[in-house]
Amino acid sequence: DQSAQLDRIAAAGFVWVRQPFDWQTTDLAAADSLVTAIAQRHLHLVAVFTGSQPPDPAAFADFAAQFAARYGKQIGAYQIWDEPNIELGWSGPPSAAEYARLLQAAHAAIHAADPGATVLLAGLAPTIETGPKNISDVLYLRQLYELGAGPYFDAVSGKPYGFDASP
């Protein structure tokens, strides 16, 4: 159960909880409960905005703005999507250009609602593939910078695993 899991996280000495929130299906009552439970344990929350398919940037930004306005005092970090560099994470062929548009819209919306927030680049899946189904995390990050997406995230997040290496 949620309380027991959060107690174990805190007891183990962790201070951050990373939680996905589907931009289309998030139950705000459940989110309220989770955010409160995390704060009660003096843990910090990284809200990961994701979904089952690449969204329209404007609709996604609306969700991000409402979420950041609602929880801005309790959440300081928002990760925009998860593993958009692979087909499974993006629900289709990955596109740095599409993700950059999403990131730009979300960054502006979150900072308008919560100026002190940290917007994280999506955690990119470690891979060495070059497309079309999956794109190397290094290549994808390079593409984002080439597209001018650097100003639209405050920090890069990474995945501590890959290939035959466990965390």
N, C-alpha and C. Protein backbone atom coordinates (compact mmCIF):
# COMPACT_ATOMS: atom_id res chain seq x y z
N ASP A 1 0.84 -1.18 0.00
CA ASP A 1 0.00 0.00 0.00
C ASP A 1 0.88 1.24 0.00
N GLN A 2 0.29 2.36 -0.40
CA GLN A 2 1.04 3.59 -0.58
C GLN A 2 1.79 4.04 0.67
N SER A 3 1.13 4.02 1.81
CA SER A 3 1.78 4.48 3.04
C SER A 3 2.99 3.62 3.39
N ALA A 4 2.82 2.32 3.30
CA ALA A 4 3.93 1.42 3.61
C ALA A 4 5.10 1.62 2.64
N GLN A 5 4.79 1.79 1.37
CA GLN A 5 5.85 2.00 0.37
C GLN A 5 6.61 3.30 0.66
N LEU A 6 5.88 4.36 0.96
CA LEU A 6 6.54 5.63 1.25
C LEU A 6 7.34 5.57 2.54
N ASP A 7 6.83 4.86 3.53
CA ASP A 7 7.59 4.67 4.78
C ASP A 7 8.90 3.94 4.51
N ARG A 8 8.87 2.93 3.65
CA ARG A 8 10.09 2.18 3.31
C ARG A 8 11.08 3.07 2.56
N ILE A 9 10.57 3.89 1.67
CA ILE A 9 11.44 4.80 0.92
C ILE A 9 12.15 5.75 1.89
N ALA A 10 11.40 6.34 2.79
CA ALA A 10 11.98 7.27 3.77
C ALA A 10 12.95 6.56 4.70
N ALA A 11 12.58 5.37 5.17
CA ALA A 11 13.44 4.62 6.09
C ALA A 11 14.76 4.21 5.42
N ALA A 12 14.73 4.00 4.12
CA ALA A 12 15.94 3.61 3.40
C ALA A 12 16.88 4.79 3.16
N GLY A 13 16.42 5.99 3.49
CA GLY A 13 17.27 7.17 3.36
C GLY A 13 17.10 7.92 2.05
N PHE A 14 16.17 7.49 1.23
CA PHE A 14 15.92 8.23 0.00
C PHE A 14 15.18 9.52 0.34
N VAL A 15 15.35 10.53 -0.50
CA VAL A 15 14.65 11.79 -0.26
C VAL A 15 13.77 12.20 -1.44
N TRP A 16 13.91 11.51 -2.56
CA TRP A 16 13.14 11.84 -3.76
C TRP A 16 12.25 10.67 -4.17
N VAL A 17 11.05 10.99 -4.60
CA VAL A 17 10.11 10.01 -5.16
C VAL A 17 9.79 10.48 -6.58
N ARG A 18 9.95 9.60 -7.54
CA ARG A 18 9.66 9.91 -8.94
C ARG A 18 8.35 9.22 -9.30
N GLN A 19 7.34 10.01 -9.67
CA GLN A 19 6.01 9.46 -9.90
C GLN A 19 5.46 9.93 -11.25
N PRO A 20 5.08 8.98 -12.11
CA PRO A 20 4.45 9.38 -13.37
C PRO A 20 3.00 9.86 -13.17
N PHE A 21 2.63 10.84 -13.97
CA PHE A 21 1.26 11.35 -14.02
C PHE A 21 0.87 11.43 -15.49
N ASP A 22 -0.11 10.63 -15.89
CA ASP A 22 -0.59 10.64 -17.27
C ASP A 22 -1.37 11.92 -17.50
N TRP A 23 -0.98 12.67 -18.48
CA TRP A 23 -1.58 13.99 -18.70
C TRP A 23 -3.06 13.91 -19.06
N GLN A 24 -3.54 12.74 -19.48
CA GLN A 24 -4.95 12.61 -19.87
C GLN A 24 -5.81 11.92 -18.81
N THR A 25 -5.20 11.10 -17.95
CA THR A 25 -6.01 10.27 -17.05
C THR A 25 -5.72 10.46 -15.57
N THR A 26 -4.89 11.41 -15.21
CA THR A 26 -4.55 11.59 -13.80
C THR A 26 -5.79 11.94 -12.98
N ASP A 27 -5.98 11.17 -11.92
CA ASP A 27 -7.06 11.42 -10.96
C ASP A 27 -6.50 12.40 -9.92
N LEU A 28 -7.01 13.63 -9.93
CA LEU A 28 -6.45 14.65 -9.05
C LEU A 28 -6.69 14.36 -7.58
N ALA A 29 -7.77 13.67 -7.24
CA ALA A 29 -7.99 13.30 -5.83
C ALA A 29 -6.90 12.34 -5.37
N ALA A 30 -6.56 11.39 -6.22
CA ALA A 30 -5.48 10.45 -5.89
C ALA A 30 -4.14 11.19 -5.84
N ALA A 31 -3.94 12.12 -6.75
CA ALA A 31 -2.70 12.91 -6.75
C ALA A 31 -2.60 13.75 -5.50
N ASP A 32 -3.72 14.35 -5.07
CA ASP A 32 -3.74 15.13 -3.82
C ASP A 32 -3.26 14.27 -2.65
N SER A 33 -3.79 13.07 -2.57
CA SER A 33 -3.44 12.16 -1.49
C SER A 33 -1.96 11.79 -1.52
N LEU A 34 -1.45 11.49 -2.71
CA LEU A 34 -0.05 11.12 -2.85
C LEU A 34 0.87 12.29 -2.49
N VAL A 35 0.57 13.45 -3.02
CA VAL A 35 1.41 14.63 -2.74
C VAL A 35 1.44 14.92 -1.24
N THR A 36 0.30 14.81 -0.59
CA THR A 36 0.24 15.03 0.86
C THR A 36 1.04 13.98 1.60
N ALA A 37 0.88 12.72 1.22
CA ALA A 37 1.61 11.62 1.90
C ALA A 37 3.11 11.77 1.74
N ILE A 38 3.56 12.20 0.59
CA ILE A 38 4.99 12.40 0.35
C ILE A 38 5.50 13.55 1.23
N ALA A 39 4.77 14.64 1.27
CA ALA A 39 5.18 15.80 2.07
C ALA A 39 5.22 15.46 3.56
N GLN A 40 4.28 14.65 4.03
CA GLN A 40 4.25 14.27 5.44
C GLN A 40 5.50 13.50 5.85
N ARG A 41 6.14 12.85 4.91
CA ARG A 41 7.36 12.08 5.19
C ARG A 41 8.63 12.88 4.87
N HIS A 42 8.46 14.15 4.57
CA HIS A 42 9.58 15.05 4.25
C HIS A 42 10.35 14.55 3.04
N LEU A 43 9.64 13.93 2.10
CA LEU A 43 10.23 13.50 0.84
C LEU A 43 9.92 14.56 -0.22
N HIS A 44 10.65 14.51 -1.31
CA HIS A 44 10.45 15.43 -2.43
C HIS A 44 9.93 14.64 -3.62
N LEU A 45 9.07 15.27 -4.40
CA LEU A 45 8.44 14.60 -5.52
C LEU A 45 8.93 15.15 -6.85
N VAL A 46 9.31 14.23 -7.74
CA VAL A 46 9.54 14.56 -9.14
C VAL A 46 8.30 14.08 -9.88
N ALA A 47 7.52 15.01 -10.41
CA ALA A 47 6.33 14.67 -11.16
C ALA A 47 6.73 14.44 -12.61
N VAL A 48 6.48 13.24 -13.11
CA VAL A 48 6.83 12.88 -14.48
C VAL A 48 5.55 12.94 -15.31
N PHE A 49 5.46 13.92 -16.20
CA PHE A 49 4.30 14.03 -17.07
C PHE A 49 4.52 13.18 -18.30
N THR A 50 3.61 12.26 -18.51
CA THR A 50 3.75 11.33 -19.62
C THR A 50 2.36 10.94 -20.11
N GLY A 51 2.29 9.97 -20.99
CA GLY A 51 1.01 9.52 -21.51
C GLY A 51 1.18 8.37 -22.48
N SER A 52 0.07 7.96 -23.05
CA SER A 52 0.09 6.80 -23.93
C SER A 52 0.37 7.16 -25.38
N GLN A 53 0.34 8.42 -25.70
CA GLN A 53 0.66 8.84 -27.07
C GLN A 53 1.16 10.27 -27.05
N PRO A 54 1.96 10.65 -28.04
CA PRO A 54 2.45 12.02 -28.07
C PRO A 54 1.30 13.01 -28.15
N PRO A 55 1.24 13.96 -27.25
CA PRO A 55 0.11 14.89 -27.20
C PRO A 55 0.32 16.12 -28.06
N ASP A 56 -0.76 16.84 -28.25
CA ASP A 56 -0.71 18.17 -28.81
C ASP A 56 0.01 19.05 -27.79
N PRO A 57 1.04 19.80 -28.18
CA PRO A 57 1.76 20.60 -27.20
C PRO A 57 0.89 21.58 -26.41
N ALA A 58 -0.09 22.19 -27.04
CA ALA A 58 -0.94 23.16 -26.33
C ALA A 58 -1.80 22.48 -25.28
N ALA A 59 -2.38 21.34 -25.60
CA ALA A 59 -3.20 20.61 -24.63
C ALA A 59 -2.34 20.11 -23.48
N PHE A 60 -1.16 19.62 -23.80
CA PHE A 60 -0.24 19.14 -22.77
C PHE A 60 0.18 20.29 -21.86
N ALA A 61 0.46 21.45 -22.46
CA ALA A 61 0.87 22.62 -21.68
C ALA A 61 -0.24 23.06 -20.74
N ASP A 62 -1.49 22.96 -21.18
CA ASP A 62 -2.61 23.29 -20.30
C ASP A 62 -2.62 22.40 -19.07
N PHE A 63 -2.44 21.09 -19.28
CA PHE A 63 -2.38 20.16 -18.15
C PHE A 63 -1.22 20.53 -17.24
N ALA A 64 -0.04 20.76 -17.81
CA ALA A 64 1.15 21.07 -17.02
C ALA A 64 0.94 22.34 -16.19
N ALA A 65 0.33 23.35 -16.79
CA ALA A 65 0.09 24.60 -16.07
C ALA A 65 -0.87 24.40 -14.90
N GLN A 66 -1.95 23.67 -15.14
CA GLN A 66 -2.92 23.42 -14.07
C GLN A 66 -2.30 22.59 -12.95
N PHE A 67 -1.52 21.60 -13.30
CA PHE A 67 -0.87 20.75 -12.30
C PHE A 67 0.12 21.58 -11.48
N ALA A 68 0.95 22.37 -12.16
CA ALA A 68 1.95 23.19 -11.46
C ALA A 68 1.28 24.25 -10.58
N ALA A 69 0.17 24.81 -11.03
CA ALA A 69 -0.55 25.78 -10.21
C ALA A 69 -1.13 25.12 -8.97
N ARG A 70 -1.62 23.90 -9.13
CA ARG A 70 -2.24 23.18 -8.01
C ARG A 70 -1.21 22.73 -6.98
N TYR A 71 -0.05 22.27 -7.44
CA TYR A 71 0.94 21.65 -6.55
C TYR A 71 2.26 22.40 -6.44
N GLY A 72 2.33 23.60 -6.96
CA GLY A 72 3.59 24.34 -6.99
C GLY A 72 4.27 24.51 -5.66
N LYS A 73 3.51 24.58 -4.58
CA LYS A 73 4.12 24.73 -3.26
C LYS A 73 4.70 23.41 -2.74
N GLN A 74 4.25 22.28 -3.29
CA GLN A 74 4.70 20.98 -2.81
C GLN A 74 5.65 20.26 -3.77
N ILE A 75 5.67 20.67 -5.03
CA ILE A 75 6.50 20.00 -6.03
C ILE A 75 7.46 21.02 -6.61
N GLY A 76 8.71 20.65 -6.69
CA GLY A 76 9.70 21.57 -7.25
C GLY A 76 10.27 21.11 -8.57
N ALA A 77 10.02 19.85 -8.96
CA ALA A 77 10.62 19.33 -10.18
C ALA A 77 9.59 18.58 -11.01
N TYR A 78 9.59 18.90 -12.30
CA TYR A 78 8.66 18.29 -13.25
C TYR A 78 9.47 17.74 -14.42
N GLN A 79 9.34 16.46 -14.67
CA GLN A 79 10.02 15.84 -15.80
C GLN A 79 9.02 15.74 -16.95
N ILE A 80 9.42 16.20 -18.12
CA ILE A 80 8.54 16.21 -19.28
C ILE A 80 8.77 14.95 -20.12
N TRP A 81 7.85 14.01 -19.93
CA TRP A 81 7.79 12.72 -20.63
C TRP A 81 8.86 11.78 -20.11
N ASP A 82 8.84 10.56 -20.61
CA ASP A 82 9.81 9.55 -20.23
C ASP A 82 10.17 8.73 -21.46
N GLU A 83 11.43 8.67 -21.74
CA GLU A 83 12.00 7.87 -22.83
C GLU A 83 11.39 8.18 -24.20
N PRO A 84 11.32 9.48 -24.57
CA PRO A 84 10.77 9.81 -25.89
C PRO A 84 11.68 9.42 -27.04
N ASN A 85 12.89 8.97 -26.73
CA ASN A 85 13.83 8.59 -27.78
C ASN A 85 13.64 7.14 -28.25
N ILE A 86 12.66 6.45 -27.67
CA ILE A 86 12.38 5.09 -28.14
C ILE A 86 10.89 4.98 -28.49
N GLU A 87 10.61 4.11 -29.43
CA GLU A 87 9.24 3.95 -29.92
C GLU A 87 8.27 3.59 -28.80
N LEU A 88 8.68 2.74 -27.89
CA LEU A 88 7.83 2.34 -26.78
C LEU A 88 7.49 3.53 -25.88
N GLY A 89 8.45 4.40 -25.62
CA GLY A 89 8.22 5.55 -24.76
C GLY A 89 7.43 6.66 -25.43
N TRP A 90 7.58 6.80 -26.75
CA TRP A 90 6.91 7.87 -27.48
C TRP A 90 5.62 7.39 -28.14
N SER A 91 5.38 6.09 -28.10
CA SER A 91 4.19 5.48 -28.74
C SER A 91 4.17 5.76 -30.24
N GLY A 92 5.31 5.62 -30.82
CA GLY A 92 5.48 5.84 -32.26
C GLY A 92 6.93 6.15 -32.52
N PRO A 93 7.28 6.33 -33.77
CA PRO A 93 8.69 6.65 -34.08
C PRO A 93 9.12 7.91 -33.33
N PRO A 94 10.24 7.86 -32.64
CA PRO A 94 10.68 9.03 -31.88
C PRO A 94 11.04 10.19 -32.80
N SER A 95 10.74 11.39 -32.32
CA SER A 95 11.04 12.59 -33.07
C SER A 95 11.53 13.67 -32.11
N ALA A 96 12.79 14.03 -32.24
CA ALA A 96 13.33 15.09 -31.38
C ALA A 96 12.60 16.41 -31.65
N ALA A 97 12.20 16.65 -32.88
CA ALA A 97 11.50 17.90 -33.21
C ALA A 97 10.14 17.96 -32.52
N GLU A 98 9.39 16.85 -32.55
CA GLU A 98 8.08 16.83 -31.87
C GLU A 98 8.26 16.99 -30.36
N TYR A 99 9.24 16.28 -29.81
CA TYR A 99 9.47 16.38 -28.37
C TYR A 99 9.91 17.80 -28.00
N ALA A 100 10.74 18.43 -28.82
CA ALA A 100 11.19 19.80 -28.53
C ALA A 100 10.00 20.76 -28.46
N ARG A 101 9.02 20.60 -29.35
CA ARG A 101 7.83 21.46 -29.31
C ARG A 101 7.04 21.23 -28.01
N LEU A 102 6.93 19.96 -27.62
CA LEU A 102 6.23 19.63 -26.37
C LEU A 102 6.96 20.23 -25.17
N LEU A 103 8.26 20.07 -25.16
CA LEU A 103 9.10 20.58 -24.08
C LEU A 103 9.00 22.10 -23.96
N GLN A 104 9.04 22.78 -25.09
CA GLN A 104 8.95 24.25 -25.09
C GLN A 104 7.63 24.71 -24.49
N ALA A 105 6.54 24.09 -24.93
CA ALA A 105 5.22 24.49 -24.43
C ALA A 105 5.09 24.20 -22.94
N ALA A 106 5.55 23.05 -22.52
CA ALA A 106 5.44 22.67 -21.10
C ALA A 106 6.32 23.54 -20.22
N HIS A 107 7.52 23.83 -20.65
CA HIS A 107 8.44 24.66 -19.88
C HIS A 107 7.82 26.02 -19.61
N ALA A 108 7.29 26.65 -20.64
CA ALA A 108 6.68 27.97 -20.48
C ALA A 108 5.47 27.90 -19.55
N ALA A 109 4.65 26.88 -19.72
CA ALA A 109 3.43 26.75 -18.90
C ALA A 109 3.76 26.52 -17.43
N ILE A 110 4.71 25.64 -17.17
CA ILE A 110 5.08 25.33 -15.79
C ILE A 110 5.69 26.55 -15.11
N HIS A 111 6.60 27.22 -15.80
CA HIS A 111 7.23 28.39 -15.18
C HIS A 111 6.26 29.56 -15.00
N ALA A 112 5.25 29.65 -15.84
CA ALA A 112 4.23 30.69 -15.64
C ALA A 112 3.43 30.41 -14.37
N ALA A 113 3.15 29.14 -14.11
CA ALA A 113 2.36 28.76 -12.93
C ALA A 113 3.21 28.64 -11.67
N ASP A 114 4.47 28.25 -11.83
CA ASP A 114 5.36 28.00 -10.69
C ASP A 114 6.78 28.47 -11.09
N PRO A 115 7.06 29.77 -10.96
CA PRO A 115 8.33 30.31 -11.44
C PRO A 115 9.58 29.66 -10.86
N GLY A 116 9.50 29.09 -9.68
CA GLY A 116 10.66 28.48 -9.06
C GLY A 116 10.86 27.01 -9.41
N ALA A 117 10.02 26.47 -10.27
CA ALA A 117 10.08 25.05 -10.61
C ALA A 117 11.32 24.71 -11.42
N THR A 118 11.72 23.46 -11.33
CA THR A 118 12.77 22.92 -12.18
C THR A 118 12.11 22.01 -13.20
N VAL A 119 12.33 22.30 -14.47
CA VAL A 119 11.79 21.47 -15.54
C VAL A 119 12.92 20.56 -16.04
N LEU A 120 12.67 19.27 -15.92
CA LEU A 120 13.66 18.27 -16.31
C LEU A 120 13.39 17.76 -17.71
N LEU A 121 14.43 17.59 -18.48
CA LEU A 121 14.33 16.89 -19.74
C LEU A 121 13.92 15.46 -19.45
N ALA A 122 13.19 14.86 -20.35
CA ALA A 122 12.78 13.46 -20.16
C ALA A 122 14.00 12.58 -19.89
N GLY A 123 13.81 11.56 -19.06
CA GLY A 123 14.84 10.56 -18.90
C GLY A 123 14.93 9.80 -20.21
N LEU A 124 16.07 9.86 -20.86
CA LEU A 124 16.23 9.18 -22.15
C LEU A 124 16.68 7.74 -21.95
N ALA A 125 16.12 6.86 -22.73
CA ALA A 125 16.45 5.43 -22.63
C ALA A 125 17.85 5.20 -23.19
N PRO A 126 18.71 4.53 -22.43
CA PRO A 126 20.04 4.22 -22.95
C PRO A 126 19.95 3.21 -24.10
N THR A 127 20.44 3.59 -25.25
CA THR A 127 20.48 2.71 -26.41
C THR A 127 21.54 3.23 -27.38
N ILE A 128 21.99 2.37 -28.26
CA ILE A 128 22.97 2.79 -29.27
C ILE A 128 22.36 2.83 -30.66
N GLU A 129 21.06 2.58 -30.75
CA GLU A 129 20.39 2.56 -32.05
C GLU A 129 20.31 3.96 -32.64
N THR A 130 20.20 4.02 -33.96
CA THR A 130 20.15 5.32 -34.63
C THR A 130 18.86 5.53 -35.41
N GLY A 131 17.85 4.73 -35.16
CA GLY A 131 16.54 4.92 -35.77
C GLY A 131 16.17 3.77 -36.69
N PRO A 132 14.98 3.74 -37.17
CA PRO A 132 13.93 4.71 -36.93
C PRO A 132 13.12 4.43 -35.66
N LYS A 133 13.19 3.20 -35.11
CA LYS A 133 12.36 2.87 -33.95
C LYS A 133 12.92 3.40 -32.64
N ASN A 134 14.21 3.45 -32.51
CA ASN A 134 14.87 3.92 -31.30
C ASN A 134 16.07 4.77 -31.71
N ILE A 135 16.33 5.80 -30.91
CA ILE A 135 17.45 6.69 -31.20
C ILE A 135 18.32 6.79 -29.95
N SER A 136 19.59 6.62 -30.13
CA SER A 136 20.56 6.73 -29.03
C SER A 136 20.27 7.95 -28.17
N ASP A 137 20.38 7.76 -26.85
CA ASP A 137 20.16 8.87 -25.94
C ASP A 137 21.12 10.03 -26.22
N VAL A 138 22.36 9.71 -26.55
CA VAL A 138 23.34 10.76 -26.85
C VAL A 138 22.98 11.47 -28.15
N LEU A 139 22.63 10.72 -29.18
CA LEU A 139 22.24 11.30 -30.46
C LEU A 139 20.97 12.15 -30.31
N TYR A 140 20.00 11.64 -29.56
CA TYR A 140 18.74 12.36 -29.36
C TYR A 140 18.99 13.68 -28.62
N LEU A 141 19.80 13.64 -27.58
CA LEU A 141 20.13 14.86 -26.85
C LEU A 141 20.83 15.86 -27.77
N ARG A 142 21.74 15.37 -28.59
CA ARG A 142 22.43 16.24 -29.56
C ARG A 142 21.40 16.87 -30.51
N GLN A 143 20.44 16.06 -30.98
CA GLN A 143 19.40 16.59 -31.87
C GLN A 143 18.60 17.70 -31.18
N LEU A 144 18.27 17.49 -29.92
CA LEU A 144 17.51 18.50 -29.19
C LEU A 144 18.28 19.83 -29.12
N TYR A 145 19.57 19.75 -28.82
CA TYR A 145 20.38 20.97 -28.77
C TYR A 145 20.47 21.62 -30.14
N GLU A 146 20.62 20.81 -31.19
CA GLU A 146 20.68 21.36 -32.55
C GLU A 146 19.37 22.04 -32.94
N LEU A 147 18.25 21.56 -32.40
CA LEU A 147 16.95 22.17 -32.66
C LEU A 147 16.70 23.41 -31.81
N GLY A 148 17.63 23.74 -30.92
CA GLY A 148 17.49 24.92 -30.07
C GLY A 148 16.65 24.69 -28.83
N ALA A 149 16.53 23.44 -28.38
CA ALA A 149 15.69 23.12 -27.22
C ALA A 149 16.38 23.36 -25.88
N GLY A 150 17.64 23.72 -25.88
CA GLY A 150 18.37 23.93 -24.63
C GLY A 150 17.71 24.85 -23.63
N PRO A 151 17.11 25.96 -24.05
CA PRO A 151 16.48 26.87 -23.09
C PRO A 151 15.19 26.33 -22.48
N TYR A 152 14.69 25.18 -22.96
CA TYR A 152 13.39 24.70 -22.53
C TYR A 152 13.45 23.58 -21.50
N PHE A 153 14.61 23.41 -20.88
CA PHE A 153 14.72 22.53 -19.72
C PHE A 153 15.79 23.10 -18.81
N ASP A 154 15.59 22.88 -17.52
CA ASP A 154 16.50 23.44 -16.52
C ASP A 154 17.57 22.45 -16.10
N ALA A 155 17.31 21.18 -16.35
CA ALA A 155 18.27 20.13 -16.00
C ALA A 155 17.99 18.90 -16.86
N VAL A 156 19.01 18.10 -17.03
CA VAL A 156 18.89 16.84 -17.78
C VAL A 156 18.77 15.72 -16.77
N SER A 157 17.83 14.83 -17.01
CA SER A 157 17.73 13.65 -16.15
C SER A 157 18.32 12.47 -16.91
N GLY A 158 18.76 11.46 -16.20
CA GLY A 158 19.37 10.31 -16.85
C GLY A 158 18.90 9.02 -16.26
N LYS A 159 19.10 7.97 -17.00
CA LYS A 159 18.74 6.63 -16.54
C LYS A 159 20.02 5.93 -16.08
N PRO A 160 20.02 5.40 -14.86
CA PRO A 160 21.25 4.80 -14.30
C PRO A 160 21.45 3.35 -14.71
N TYR A 161 20.84 2.94 -15.77
CA TYR A 161 20.96 1.54 -16.21
C TYR A 161 21.11 1.53 -17.73
N GLY A 162 21.42 0.37 -18.24
CA GLY A 162 21.48 0.21 -19.69
C GLY A 162 22.28 -1.00 -20.07
N PHE A 163 21.84 -1.59 -21.15
CA PHE A 163 22.53 -2.74 -21.71
C PHE A 163 22.60 -3.86 -20.67
N ASP A 164 23.78 -4.34 -20.38
CA ASP A 164 23.92 -5.43 -19.41
C ASP A 164 24.28 -4.93 -18.01
N ALA A 165 24.20 -3.63 -17.80
CA ALA A 165 24.59 -3.06 -16.51
C ALA A 165 23.35 -2.76 -15.67
N SER A 166 23.30 -3.32 -14.50
CA SER A 166 22.20 -3.02 -13.59
C SER A 166 22.45 -1.67 -12.93
N PRO A 167 21.43 -1.10 -12.26
CA PRO A 167 21.64 0.17 -11.57
C PRO A 167 22.76 0.06 -10.54
